[in-house]
Each structure stands twice: as C-alpha cells, then as structure tokens.
Amino acid sequence: MNKLFFTGDACKTELLVVMLEKHDIAATEEFVSEELREHEDEFNRETRVYVPEADYERARRLFYQDDGSEI
C-alpha cells in the first residue's frame, strides 16, 4: 500500500520522485485533479507523490528536518 508523501506543483514532484528513486524508493505521482490534465502550464499542476508505506519513514528522514519542514 502507498502513502501520501508530498503535494505540490508538478515541477517539484517530478524532481522529488527522481530523488526518491535514487534512494531506491519507488515513488509514484498523480494529478490532484484529472480535469487539469490538459492545463497549458503542466509544470504548475498540483500533483501528489506517494511512497510505499514500508519506505515512508525513511523517505521522511531523507527529505524533512525533525520539525517537519523541507530540507
């Protein structure tokens, strides 16, 4: 089962997915609203990143400080 890890614009989420994959975490992403799929500025579309539940804590430690803010 996958767990929501991050929500943000597509530009950020695509980079995050690549960085997670470099750490052998199989992340996936999906658009928040499929209606926006044809939006002309695809890099600003809101997107969610999911990671396997088993890798969630490791991903959190890699990308967030102890207070929950992004590194």
Protein backbone atom coordinates (compact mmCIF):
# COMPACT_ATOMS: atom_id res chain seq x y z
CA MET A 1 0.00 0.00 0.00
CA ASN A 2 1.20 3.51 -0.81
CA LYS A 3 1.10 6.52 1.50
CA LEU A 4 0.82 10.21 0.55
CA PHE A 5 4.24 11.80 0.96
CA PHE A 6 4.04 15.23 -0.68
CA THR A 7 1.66 17.51 -2.59
CA GLY A 8 2.92 20.34 -4.76
CA ASP A 9 3.36 21.58 -8.29
CA ALA A 10 4.43 19.07 -10.93
CA CYS A 11 7.88 20.61 -11.32
CA LYS A 12 8.72 19.89 -7.67
CA THR A 13 7.07 16.49 -7.56
CA GLU A 14 8.88 15.19 -10.63
CA LEU A 15 12.22 16.15 -9.09
CA LEU A 16 11.22 14.58 -5.78
CA VAL A 17 10.28 11.30 -7.49
CA VAL A 18 13.68 11.17 -9.22
CA MET A 19 15.49 11.87 -5.94
CA LEU A 20 13.47 9.20 -4.12
CA GLU A 21 14.26 6.69 -6.85
CA LYS A 22 17.99 7.44 -6.39
CA HIS A 23 17.47 6.15 -2.82
CA ASP A 24 15.65 3.03 -4.09
CA ILE A 25 12.23 4.28 -3.02
CA ALA A 26 9.63 3.55 -5.69
CA ALA A 27 7.58 6.75 -5.64
CA THR A 28 4.57 7.43 -7.84
CA GLU A 29 2.80 10.65 -8.69
CA GLU A 30 -0.70 11.58 -9.75
CA PHE A 31 -2.51 14.80 -10.58
CA VAL A 32 -4.78 16.13 -7.84
CA SER A 33 -7.46 16.83 -10.44
CA GLU A 34 -7.68 14.95 -13.72
CA GLU A 35 -9.68 17.90 -15.07
CA LEU A 36 -6.46 19.93 -15.02
CA ARG A 37 -4.62 17.28 -17.03
CA GLU A 38 -4.82 19.40 -20.21
CA HIS A 39 -3.80 22.61 -18.43
CA GLU A 40 -1.44 24.59 -20.65
CA ASP A 41 1.19 25.08 -17.92
CA GLU A 42 1.78 21.46 -16.96
CA PHE A 43 4.60 22.20 -14.50
CA ASN A 44 2.29 24.18 -12.22
CA ARG A 45 -0.39 21.47 -11.94
CA GLU A 46 -0.89 20.27 -8.40
CA THR A 47 0.40 16.72 -8.06
CA ARG A 48 0.65 14.19 -5.23
CA VAL A 49 3.64 11.93 -4.56
CA TYR A 50 3.07 8.54 -2.94
CA VAL A 51 5.68 6.20 -1.50
CA PRO A 52 5.31 2.61 -0.31
CA GLU A 53 4.18 2.58 3.30
CA ALA A 54 7.24 0.50 4.24
CA ASP A 55 9.55 3.26 2.90
CA TYR A 56 7.62 6.25 4.26
CA GLU A 57 9.69 6.87 7.40
CA ARG A 58 12.98 6.53 5.52
CA ALA A 59 11.77 8.98 2.86
CA ARG A 60 10.65 11.41 5.56
CA ARG A 61 14.06 11.26 7.23
CA LEU A 62 15.79 11.86 3.89
CA PHE A 63 13.76 14.92 2.88
CA TYR A 64 12.39 16.57 6.02
CA GLN A 65 14.02 18.02 9.10
CA ASP A 66 12.86 16.88 12.54
CA ASP A 67 10.36 19.77 12.73
CA GLY A 68 8.65 18.62 9.51
CA SER A 69 9.94 21.40 7.26
CA GLU A 70 11.58 20.58 3.94
CA ILE A 71 15.34 20.27 3.83
